[in-house]
Amino acid sequence: RALHGWPIYGVGTGDAGATDIAAGRVGLVGHVPPDALDR
């Protein structure tokens, strides 16, 4: 579903503003350490 006002994550800078992401939008998941499912 659409995500409204979602914070943009800037690597090394944390929050870098916000964006809207349309429903059905395709993205890629980066590396997720096994002990870091909150990131």
Full PDB file with SEQRES, HELIX, SHEET, SSBOND, CRYST1, ORIGX, SCALE, CONECT and MASTER records, all heavy atoms in Angstrom:
SEQRES   1 A   39  ARG ALA LEU HIS GLY TRP PRO ILE TYR GLY VAL GLY THR          
SEQRES   2 A   39  GLY ASP ALA GLY ALA THR ASP ILE ALA ALA GLY ARG VAL          
SEQRES   3 A   39  GLY LEU VAL GLY HIS VAL PRO PRO ASP ALA LEU ASP ARG          
SHEET    1 AA1 2 LEU A   3  GLY A  10  0                                        
SHEET    2 AA1 2 GLY A  14  ILE A  21 -1                                        
CRYST1    1.000    1.000    1.000  90.00  90.00  90.00 P 1           1          
ORIGX1      1.000000  0.000000  0.000000        0.00000                         
ORIGX2      0.000000  1.000000  0.000000        0.00000                         
ORIGX3      0.000000  0.000000  1.000000        0.00000                         
SCALE1      1.000000  0.000000  0.000000        0.00000                         
SCALE2      0.000000  1.000000  0.000000        0.00000                         
SCALE3      0.000000  0.000000  1.000000        0.00000                         
ATOM      1  N   ARG A   1       0.853  -1.187   0.000  1.00  0.00           N  
ATOM      2  CA  ARG A   1       0.000   0.000   0.000  1.00  0.00           C  
ATOM      3  C   ARG A   1       0.888   1.235   0.000  1.00  0.00           C  
ATOM      4  O   ARG A   1       2.089   1.145   0.262  1.00  0.00           O  
ATOM      5  CB  ARG A   1      -0.924   0.000   1.210  1.00  0.00           C  
ATOM      6  CG  ARG A   1      -0.214   0.028   2.533  1.00  0.00           C  
ATOM      7  CD  ARG A   1      -1.165  -0.023   3.720  1.00  0.00           C  
ATOM      8  NE  ARG A   1      -1.782  -1.317   3.859  1.00  0.00           N  
ATOM      9  CZ  ARG A   1      -1.345  -2.267   4.663  1.00  0.00           C  
ATOM     10  NH1 ARG A   1      -0.270  -2.056   5.398  1.00  0.00           N  
ATOM     11  NH2 ARG A   1      -1.952  -3.418   4.746  1.00  0.00           N  
ATOM     12  N   ALA A   2       0.295   2.365  -0.293  1.00  0.00           N  
ATOM     13  CA  ALA A   2       1.058   3.614  -0.325  1.00  0.00           C  
ATOM     14  C   ALA A   2       1.585   3.953   1.068  1.00  0.00           C  
ATOM     15  O   ALA A   2       0.916   3.706   2.073  1.00  0.00           O  
ATOM     16  CB  ALA A   2       0.185   4.746  -0.850  1.00  0.00           C  
ATOM     17  N   LEU A   3       2.775   4.502   1.103  1.00  0.00           N  
ATOM     18  CA  LEU A   3       3.397   4.974   2.335  1.00  0.00           C  
ATOM     19  C   LEU A   3       3.546   6.485   2.216  1.00  0.00           C  
ATOM     20  O   LEU A   3       4.198   6.967   1.285  1.00  0.00           O  
ATOM     21  CB  LEU A   3       4.764   4.311   2.532  1.00  0.00           C  
ATOM     22  CG  LEU A   3       4.779   2.780   2.496  1.00  0.00           C  
ATOM     23  CD1 LEU A   3       6.214   2.276   2.501  1.00  0.00           C  
ATOM     24  CD2 LEU A   3       4.005   2.213   3.661  1.00  0.00           C  
ATOM     25  N   HIS A   4       2.957   7.227   3.122  1.00  0.00           N  
ATOM     26  CA  HIS A   4       2.968   8.691   3.040  1.00  0.00           C  
ATOM     27  C   HIS A   4       3.859   9.293   4.119  1.00  0.00           C  
ATOM     28  O   HIS A   4       3.784   8.899   5.282  1.00  0.00           O  
ATOM     29  CB  HIS A   4       1.547   9.236   3.175  1.00  0.00           C  
ATOM     30  CG  HIS A   4       0.632   8.740   2.116  1.00  0.00           C  
ATOM     31  ND1 HIS A   4       0.703   9.177   0.817  1.00  0.00           N  
ATOM     32  CD2 HIS A   4      -0.350   7.807   2.153  1.00  0.00           C  
ATOM     33  CE1 HIS A   4      -0.214   8.555   0.091  1.00  0.00           C  
ATOM     34  NE2 HIS A   4      -0.860   7.716   0.877  1.00  0.00           N  
ATOM     35  N   GLY A   5       4.711  10.233   3.707  1.00  0.00           N  
ATOM     36  CA  GLY A   5       5.594  10.916   4.644  1.00  0.00           C  
ATOM     37  C   GLY A   5       6.622  10.009   5.293  1.00  0.00           C  
ATOM     38  O   GLY A   5       7.031  10.233   6.425  1.00  0.00           O  
ATOM     39  N   TRP A   6       7.075   8.991   4.547  1.00  0.00           N  
ATOM     40  CA  TRP A   6       8.032   8.031   5.091  1.00  0.00           C  
ATOM     41  C   TRP A   6       9.413   8.673   5.152  1.00  0.00           C  
ATOM     42  O   TRP A   6       9.874   9.252   4.175  1.00  0.00           O  
ATOM     43  CB  TRP A   6       8.073   6.795   4.202  1.00  0.00           C  
ATOM     44  CG  TRP A   6       8.458   5.587   4.983  1.00  0.00           C  
ATOM     45  CD1 TRP A   6       9.714   5.083   5.132  1.00  0.00           C  
ATOM     46  CD2 TRP A   6       7.603   4.742   5.731  1.00  0.00           C  
ATOM     47  NE1 TRP A   6       9.691   3.968   5.933  1.00  0.00           N  
ATOM     48  CE2 TRP A   6       8.399   3.748   6.315  1.00  0.00           C  
ATOM     49  CE3 TRP A   6       6.230   4.735   5.985  1.00  0.00           C  
ATOM     50  CZ2 TRP A   6       7.884   2.742   7.127  1.00  0.00           C  
ATOM     51  CZ3 TRP A   6       5.714   3.738   6.777  1.00  0.00           C  
ATOM     52  CH2 TRP A   6       6.531   2.757   7.340  1.00  0.00           C  
ATOM     53  N   PRO A   7      10.128   8.564   6.286  1.00  0.00           N  
ATOM     54  CA  PRO A   7      11.457   9.169   6.386  1.00  0.00           C  
ATOM     55  C   PRO A   7      12.450   8.536   5.407  1.00  0.00           C  
ATOM     56  O   PRO A   7      12.528   7.320   5.292  1.00  0.00           O  
ATOM     57  CB  PRO A   7      11.886   8.879   7.826  1.00  0.00           C  
ATOM     58  CG  PRO A   7      10.632   8.558   8.558  1.00  0.00           C  
ATOM     59  CD  PRO A   7       9.699   7.950   7.542  1.00  0.00           C  
ATOM     60  N   ILE A   8      13.187   9.391   4.704  1.00  0.00           N  
ATOM     61  CA  ILE A   8      14.263   8.923   3.820  1.00  0.00           C  
ATOM     62  C   ILE A   8      15.476   8.676   4.699  1.00  0.00           C  
ATOM     63  O   ILE A   8      15.817   9.488   5.560  1.00  0.00           O  
ATOM     64  CB  ILE A   8      14.589   9.958   2.736  1.00  0.00           C  
ATOM     65  CG1 ILE A   8      13.382  10.129   1.810  1.00  0.00           C  
ATOM     66  CG2 ILE A   8      15.832   9.558   1.949  1.00  0.00           C  
ATOM     67  CD1 ILE A   8      13.539  11.259   0.814  1.00  0.00           C  
ATOM     68  N   TYR A   9      16.125   7.541   4.479  1.00  0.00           N  
ATOM     69  CA  TYR A   9      17.304   7.187   5.263  1.00  0.00           C  
ATOM     70  C   TYR A   9      18.557   7.513   4.471  1.00  0.00           C  
ATOM     71  O   TYR A   9      18.766   6.980   3.390  1.00  0.00           O  
ATOM     72  CB  TYR A   9      17.274   5.695   5.617  1.00  0.00           C  
ATOM     73  CG  TYR A   9      18.494   5.243   6.372  1.00  0.00           C  
ATOM     74  CD1 TYR A   9      18.700   5.649   7.678  1.00  0.00           C  
ATOM     75  CD2 TYR A   9      19.429   4.426   5.767  1.00  0.00           C  
ATOM     76  CE1 TYR A   9      19.820   5.243   8.376  1.00  0.00           C  
ATOM     77  CE2 TYR A   9      20.543   4.009   6.470  1.00  0.00           C  
ATOM     78  CZ  TYR A   9      20.736   4.422   7.771  1.00  0.00           C  
ATOM     79  OH  TYR A   9      21.841   4.022   8.458  1.00  0.00           O  
ATOM     80  N   GLY A  10      19.385   8.393   5.014  1.00  0.00           N  
ATOM     81  CA  GLY A  10      20.651   8.725   4.385  1.00  0.00           C  
ATOM     82  C   GLY A  10      21.766   7.997   5.111  1.00  0.00           C  
ATOM     83  O   GLY A  10      21.973   8.221   6.299  1.00  0.00           O  
ATOM     84  N   VAL A  11      22.450   7.110   4.416  1.00  0.00           N  
ATOM     85  CA  VAL A  11      23.524   6.328   5.046  1.00  0.00           C  
ATOM     86  C   VAL A  11      24.545   7.287   5.644  1.00  0.00           C  
ATOM     87  O   VAL A  11      25.061   8.163   4.961  1.00  0.00           O  
ATOM     88  CB  VAL A  11      24.178   5.381   4.022  1.00  0.00           C  
ATOM     89  CG1 VAL A  11      25.328   4.638   4.650  1.00  0.00           C  
ATOM     90  CG2 VAL A  11      23.141   4.424   3.470  1.00  0.00           C  
ATOM     91  N   GLY A  12      24.804   7.113   6.915  1.00  0.00           N  
ATOM     92  CA  GLY A  12      25.767   7.964   7.599  1.00  0.00           C  
ATOM     93  C   GLY A  12      25.194   9.287   8.068  1.00  0.00           C  
ATOM     94  O   GLY A  12      25.816   9.997   8.832  1.00  0.00           O  
ATOM     95  N   THR A  13      23.990   9.631   7.617  1.00  0.00           N  
ATOM     96  CA  THR A  13      23.413  10.914   8.011  1.00  0.00           C  
ATOM     97  C   THR A  13      22.091  10.746   8.741  1.00  0.00           C  
ATOM     98  O   THR A  13      21.529  11.715   9.216  1.00  0.00           O  
ATOM     99  CB  THR A  13      23.171  11.801   6.776  1.00  0.00           C  
ATOM    100  OG1 THR A  13      22.244  11.155   5.903  1.00  0.00           O  
ATOM    101  CG2 THR A  13      24.456  12.098   6.048  1.00  0.00           C  
ATOM    102  N   GLY A  14      21.578   9.514   8.816  1.00  0.00           N  
ATOM    103  CA  GLY A  14      20.290   9.304   9.468  1.00  0.00           C  
ATOM    104  C   GLY A  14      19.156   9.822   8.617  1.00  0.00           C  
ATOM    105  O   GLY A  14      19.102   9.581   7.423  1.00  0.00           O  
ATOM    106  N   ASP A  15      18.260  10.598   9.205  1.00  0.00           N  
ATOM    107  CA  ASP A  15      17.077  11.106   8.507  1.00  0.00           C  
ATOM    108  C   ASP A  15      17.475  12.157   7.475  1.00  0.00           C  
ATOM    109  O   ASP A  15      18.243  13.057   7.750  1.00  0.00           O  
ATOM    110  CB  ASP A  15      16.114  11.704   9.525  1.00  0.00           C  
ATOM    111  CG  ASP A  15      14.812  12.155   8.914  1.00  0.00           C  
ATOM    112  OD1 ASP A  15      14.502  11.741   7.783  1.00  0.00           O  
ATOM    113  OD2 ASP A  15      14.096  12.926   9.578  1.00  0.00           O  
ATOM    114  N   ALA A  16      16.924  12.033   6.267  1.00  0.00           N  
ATOM    115  CA  ALA A  16      17.237  12.976   5.183  1.00  0.00           C  
ATOM    116  C   ALA A  16      15.955  13.480   4.532  1.00  0.00           C  
ATOM    117  O   ALA A  16      15.860  13.575   3.324  1.00  0.00           O  
ATOM    118  CB  ALA A  16      18.142  12.299   4.157  1.00  0.00           C  
ATOM    119  N   GLY A  17      14.924  13.775   5.321  1.00  0.00           N  
ATOM    120  CA  GLY A  17      13.654  14.245   4.778  1.00  0.00           C  
ATOM    121  C   GLY A  17      12.636  13.126   4.757  1.00  0.00           C  
ATOM    122  O   GLY A  17      12.776  12.112   5.434  1.00  0.00           O  
ATOM    123  N   ALA A  18      11.587  13.325   3.958  1.00  0.00           N  
ATOM    124  CA  ALA A  18      10.513  12.328   3.879  1.00  0.00           C  
ATOM    125  C   ALA A  18      10.030  12.218   2.440  1.00  0.00           C  
ATOM    126  O   ALA A  18      10.256  13.101   1.623  1.00  0.00           O  
ATOM    127  CB  ALA A  18       9.363  12.723   4.796  1.00  0.00           C  
ATOM    128  N   THR A  19       9.354  11.103   2.136  1.00  0.00           N  
ATOM    129  CA  THR A  19       8.859  10.863   0.787  1.00  0.00           C  
ATOM    130  C   THR A  19       7.564  10.070   0.842  1.00  0.00           C  
ATOM    131  O   THR A  19       7.246   9.465   1.861  1.00  0.00           O  
ATOM    132  CB  THR A  19       9.908  10.091  -0.046  1.00  0.00           C  
ATOM    133  OG1 THR A  19       9.491  10.075  -1.410  1.00  0.00           O  
ATOM    134  CG2 THR A  19      10.093   8.667   0.446  1.00  0.00           C  
ATOM    135  N   ASP A  20       6.833  10.093  -0.252  1.00  0.00           N  
ATOM    136  CA  ASP A  20       5.668   9.235  -0.430  1.00  0.00           C  
ATOM    137  C   ASP A  20       6.069   8.117  -1.378  1.00  0.00           C  
ATOM    138  O   ASP A  20       6.763   8.359  -2.374  1.00  0.00           O  
ATOM    139  CB  ASP A  20       4.495  10.010  -1.030  1.00  0.00           C  
ATOM    140  CG  ASP A  20       3.962  11.072  -0.080  1.00  0.00           C  
ATOM    141  OD1 ASP A  20       4.074  10.883   1.148  1.00  0.00           O  
ATOM    142  OD2 ASP A  20       3.435  12.081  -0.561  1.00  0.00           O  
ATOM    143  N   ILE A  21       5.648   6.903  -1.076  1.00  0.00           N  
ATOM    144  CA  ILE A  21       5.969   5.746  -1.909  1.00  0.00           C  
ATOM    145  C   ILE A  21       4.654   5.102  -2.325  1.00  0.00           C  
ATOM    146  O   ILE A  21       3.854   4.723  -1.472  1.00  0.00           O  
ATOM    147  CB  ILE A  21       6.852   4.742  -1.137  1.00  0.00           C  
ATOM    148  CG1 ILE A  21       8.142   5.433  -0.659  1.00  0.00           C  
ATOM    149  CG2 ILE A  21       7.184   3.532  -2.003  1.00  0.00           C  
ATOM    150  CD1 ILE A  21       8.960   4.619   0.310  1.00  0.00           C  
ATOM    151  N   ALA A  22       4.428   4.997  -3.617  1.00  0.00           N  
ATOM    152  CA  ALA A  22       3.170   4.473  -4.144  1.00  0.00           C  
ATOM    153  C   ALA A  22       3.012   2.980  -3.889  1.00  0.00           C  
ATOM    154  O   ALA A  22       3.998   2.247  -3.810  1.00  0.00           O  
ATOM    155  CB  ALA A  22       3.089   4.743  -5.642  1.00  0.00           C  
ATOM    156  N   ALA A  23       1.786   2.533  -3.785  1.00  0.00           N  
ATOM    157  CA  ALA A  23       1.502   1.097  -3.680  1.00  0.00           C  
ATOM    158  C   ALA A  23       2.004   0.407  -4.944  1.00  0.00           C  
ATOM    159  O   ALA A  23       1.908   0.956  -6.040  1.00  0.00           O  
ATOM    160  CB  ALA A  23       0.006   0.867  -3.522  1.00  0.00           C  
ATOM    161  N   GLY A  24       2.559  -0.770  -4.790  1.00  0.00           N  
ATOM    162  CA  GLY A  24       3.064  -1.533  -5.927  1.00  0.00           C  
ATOM    163  C   GLY A  24       4.461  -1.164  -6.359  1.00  0.00           C  
ATOM    164  O   GLY A  24       5.006  -1.739  -7.300  1.00  0.00           O  
ATOM    165  N   ARG A  25       5.080  -0.216  -5.685  1.00  0.00           N  
ATOM    166  CA  ARG A  25       6.434   0.221  -6.043  1.00  0.00           C  
ATOM    167  C   ARG A  25       7.434  -0.881  -5.706  1.00  0.00           C  
ATOM    168  O   ARG A  25       7.372  -1.504  -4.652  1.00  0.00           O  
ATOM    169  CB  ARG A  25       6.746   1.485  -5.254  1.00  0.00           C  
ATOM    170  CG  ARG A  25       8.027   2.155  -5.585  1.00  0.00           C  
ATOM    171  CD  ARG A  25       7.841   3.181  -6.695  1.00  0.00           C  
ATOM    172  NE  ARG A  25       9.122   3.722  -7.051  1.00  0.00           N  
ATOM    173  CZ  ARG A  25       9.621   4.847  -6.554  1.00  0.00           C  
ATOM    174  NH1 ARG A  25       8.936   5.555  -5.704  1.00  0.00           N  
ATOM    175  NH2 ARG A  25      10.810   5.252  -6.929  1.00  0.00           N  
ATOM    176  N   VAL A  26       8.383  -1.118  -6.612  1.00  0.00           N  
ATOM    177  CA  VAL A  26       9.382  -2.174  -6.438  1.00  0.00           C  
ATOM    178  C   VAL A  26      10.694  -1.563  -5.957  1.00  0.00           C  
ATOM    179  O   VAL A  26      11.161  -0.562  -6.490  1.00  0.00           O  
ATOM    180  CB  VAL A  26       9.612  -2.943  -7.760  1.00  0.00           C  
ATOM    181  CG1 VAL A  26      10.716  -3.971  -7.610  1.00  0.00           C  
ATOM    182  CG2 VAL A  26       8.323  -3.604  -8.211  1.00  0.00           C  
ATOM    183  N   GLY A  27      11.286  -2.187  -4.934  1.00  0.00           N  
ATOM    184  CA  GLY A  27      12.569  -1.758  -4.398  1.00  0.00           C  
ATOM    185  C   GLY A  27      13.448  -2.963  -4.119  1.00  0.00           C  
ATOM    186  O   GLY A  27      13.039  -4.108  -4.325  1.00  0.00           O  
ATOM    187  N   LEU A  28      14.645  -2.686  -3.645  1.00  0.00           N  
ATOM    188  CA  LEU A  28      15.608  -3.748  -3.335  1.00  0.00           C  
ATOM    189  C   LEU A  28      15.992  -3.670  -1.866  1.00  0.00           C  
ATOM    190  O   LEU A  28      16.257  -2.590  -1.338  1.00  0.00           O  
ATOM    191  CB  LEU A  28      16.863  -3.592  -4.195  1.00  0.00           C  
ATOM    192  CG  LEU A  28      16.656  -3.698  -5.708  1.00  0.00           C  
ATOM    193  CD1 LEU A  28      17.941  -3.315  -6.435  1.00  0.00           C  
ATOM    194  CD2 LEU A  28      16.234  -5.091  -6.082  1.00  0.00           C  
ATOM    195  N   VAL A  29      16.035  -4.813  -1.214  1.00  0.00           N  
ATOM    196  CA  VAL A  29      16.437  -4.881   0.188  1.00  0.00           C  
ATOM    197  C   VAL A  29      17.951  -4.994   0.257  1.00  0.00           C  
ATOM    198  O   VAL A  29      18.552  -5.802  -0.444  1.00  0.00           O  
ATOM    199  CB  VAL A  29      15.780  -6.095   0.889  1.00  0.00           C  
ATOM    200  CG1 VAL A  29      16.263  -6.224   2.325  1.00  0.00           C  
ATOM    201  CG2 VAL A  29      14.265  -5.982   0.844  1.00  0.00           C  
ATOM    202  N   GLY A  30      18.551  -4.181   1.111  1.00  0.00           N  
ATOM    203  CA  GLY A  30      19.987  -4.244   1.319  1.00  0.00           C  
ATOM    204  C   GLY A  30      20.340  -5.338   2.307  1.00  0.00           C  
ATOM    205  O   GLY A  30      19.492  -6.112   2.749  1.00  0.00           O  
ATOM    206  N   HIS A  31      21.589  -5.385   2.676  1.00  0.00           N  
ATOM    207  CA  HIS A  31      22.073  -6.377   3.654  1.00  0.00           C  
ATOM    208  C   HIS A  31      21.399  -6.128   4.998  1.00  0.00           C  
ATOM    209  O   HIS A  31      21.337  -5.001   5.480  1.00  0.00           O  
ATOM    210  CB  HIS A  31      23.583  -6.262   3.797  1.00  0.00           C  
ATOM    211  CG  HIS A  31      24.131  -7.121   4.877  1.00  0.00           C  
ATOM    212  ND1 HIS A  31      24.201  -8.486   4.755  1.00  0.00           N  
ATOM    213  CD2 HIS A  31      24.611  -6.819   6.098  1.00  0.00           C  
ATOM    214  CE1 HIS A  31      24.720  -8.985   5.858  1.00  0.00           C  
ATOM    215  NE2 HIS A  31      24.976  -7.988   6.690  1.00  0.00           N  
ATOM    216  N   VAL A  32      20.895  -7.199   5.594  1.00  0.00           N  
ATOM    217  CA  VAL A  32      20.264  -7.113   6.910  1.00  0.00           C  
ATOM    218  C   VAL A  32      20.989  -8.078   7.849  1.00  0.00           C  
ATOM    219  O   VAL A  32      20.866  -9.289   7.705  1.00  0.00           O  
ATOM    220  CB  VAL A  32      18.764  -7.490   6.845  1.00  0.00           C  
ATOM    221  CG1 VAL A  32      18.135  -7.368   8.214  1.00  0.00           C  
ATOM    222  CG2 VAL A  32      18.037  -6.642   5.818  1.00  0.00           C  
ATOM    223  N   PRO A  33      21.760  -7.551   8.789  1.00  0.00           N  
ATOM    224  CA  PRO A  33      22.428  -8.443   9.740  1.00  0.00           C  
ATOM    225  C   PRO A  33      21.388  -9.240  10.527  1.00  0.00           C  
ATOM    226  O   PRO A  33      20.326  -8.716  10.856  1.00  0.00           O  
ATOM    227  CB  PRO A  33      23.191  -7.480  10.654  1.00  0.00           C  
ATOM    228  CG  PRO A  33      23.292  -6.202   9.892  1.00  0.00           C  
ATOM    229  CD  PRO A  33      22.084  -6.150   9.021  1.00  0.00           C  
ATOM    230  N   PRO A  34      21.654 -10.506  10.840  1.00  0.00           N  
ATOM    231  CA  PRO A  34      20.680 -11.347  11.543  1.00  0.00           C  
ATOM    232  C   PRO A  34      20.214 -10.770  12.875  1.00  0.00           C  
ATOM    233  O   PRO A  34      19.096 -10.990  13.288  1.00  0.00           O  
ATOM    234  CB  PRO A  34      21.418 -12.668  11.766  1.00  0.00           C  
ATOM    235  CG  PRO A  34      22.606 -12.628  10.889  1.00  0.00           C  
ATOM    236  CD  PRO A  34      22.891 -11.204  10.545  1.00  0.00           C  
ATOM    237  N   ASP A  35      21.060  -9.998  13.517  1.00  0.00           N  
ATOM    238  CA  ASP A  35      20.691  -9.433  14.817  1.00  0.00           C  
ATOM    239  C   ASP A  35      20.177  -7.999  14.702  1.00  0.00           C  
ATOM    240  O   ASP A  35      20.090  -7.288  15.688  1.00  0.00           O  
ATOM    241  CB  ASP A  35      21.882  -9.481  15.764  1.00  0.00           C  
ATOM    242  CG  ASP A  35      23.068  -8.676  15.252  1.00  0.00           C  
ATOM    243  OD1 ASP A  35      23.112  -8.368  14.045  1.00  0.00           O  
ATOM    244  OD2 ASP A  35      23.949  -8.362  16.058  1.00  0.00           O  
ATOM    245  N   ALA A  36      19.821  -7.562  13.494  1.00  0.00           N  
ATOM    246  CA  ALA A  36      19.419  -6.168  13.295  1.00  0.00           C  
ATOM    247  C   ALA A  36      18.149  -6.043  12.461  1.00  0.00           C  
ATOM    248  O   ALA A  36      18.085  -5.246  11.539  1.00  0.00           O  
ATOM    249  CB  ALA A  36      20.557  -5.399  12.642  1.00  0.00           C  
ATOM    250  N   LEU A  37      17.136  -6.829  12.790  1.00  0.00           N  
ATOM    251  CA  LEU A  37      15.889  -6.758  12.023  1.00  0.00           C  
ATOM    252  C   LEU A  37      15.121  -5.461  12.267  1.00  0.00           C  
ATOM    253  O   LEU A  37      14.102  -5.221  11.644  1.00  0.00           O  
ATOM    254  CB  LEU A  37      15.000  -7.962  12.328  1.00  0.00           C  
ATOM    255  CG  LEU A  37      15.519  -9.286  11.770  1.00  0.00           C  
ATOM    256  CD1 LEU A  37      14.586 -10.431  12.167  1.00  0.00           C  
ATOM    257  CD2 LEU A  37      15.647  -9.226  10.258  1.00  0.00           C  
ATOM    258  N   ASP A  38      15.623  -4.606  13.140  1.00  0.00           N  
ATOM    259  CA  ASP A  38      15.015  -3.295  13.330  1.00  0.00           C  
ATOM    260  C   ASP A  38      15.615  -2.267  12.378  1.00  0.00           C  
ATOM    261  O   ASP A  38      15.226  -1.112  12.389  1.00  0.00           O  
ATOM    262  CB  ASP A  38      15.172  -2.828  14.772  1.00  0.00           C  
ATOM    263  CG  ASP A  38      16.632  -2.698  15.192  1.00  0.00           C  
ATOM    264  OD1 ASP A  38      17.483  -3.414  14.628  1.00  0.00           O  
ATOM    265  OD2 ASP A  38      16.914  -1.896  16.094  1.00  0.00           O  
ATOM    266  N   ARG A  39      16.541  -2.713  11.514  1.00  0.00           N  
ATOM    267  CA  ARG A  39      17.225  -1.782  10.604  1.00  0.00           C  
ATOM    268  C   ARG A  39      17.273  -2.324   9.175  1.00  0.00           C  
ATOM    269  O   ARG A  39      18.340  -2.413   8.574  1.00  0.00           O  
ATOM    270  CB  ARG A  39      18.626  -1.517  11.117  1.00  0.00           C  
ATOM    271  CG  ARG A  39      18.653  -0.817  12.462  1.00  0.00           C  
ATOM    272  CD  ARG A  39      20.049  -0.402  12.868  1.00  0.00           C  
ATOM    273  NE  ARG A  39      21.020  -1.486  12.832  1.00  0.00           N  
ATOM    274  CZ  ARG A  39      21.432  -2.161  13.895  1.00  0.00           C  
ATOM    275  NH1 ARG A  39      20.959  -1.875  15.077  1.00  0.00           N  
ATOM    276  NH2 ARG A  39      22.324  -3.102  13.774  1.00  0.00           N  
TER     277      ARG A  39                                                      
MASTER        0    0    0    0    2    0    0    6  276    1    0    3          
END                                                                             
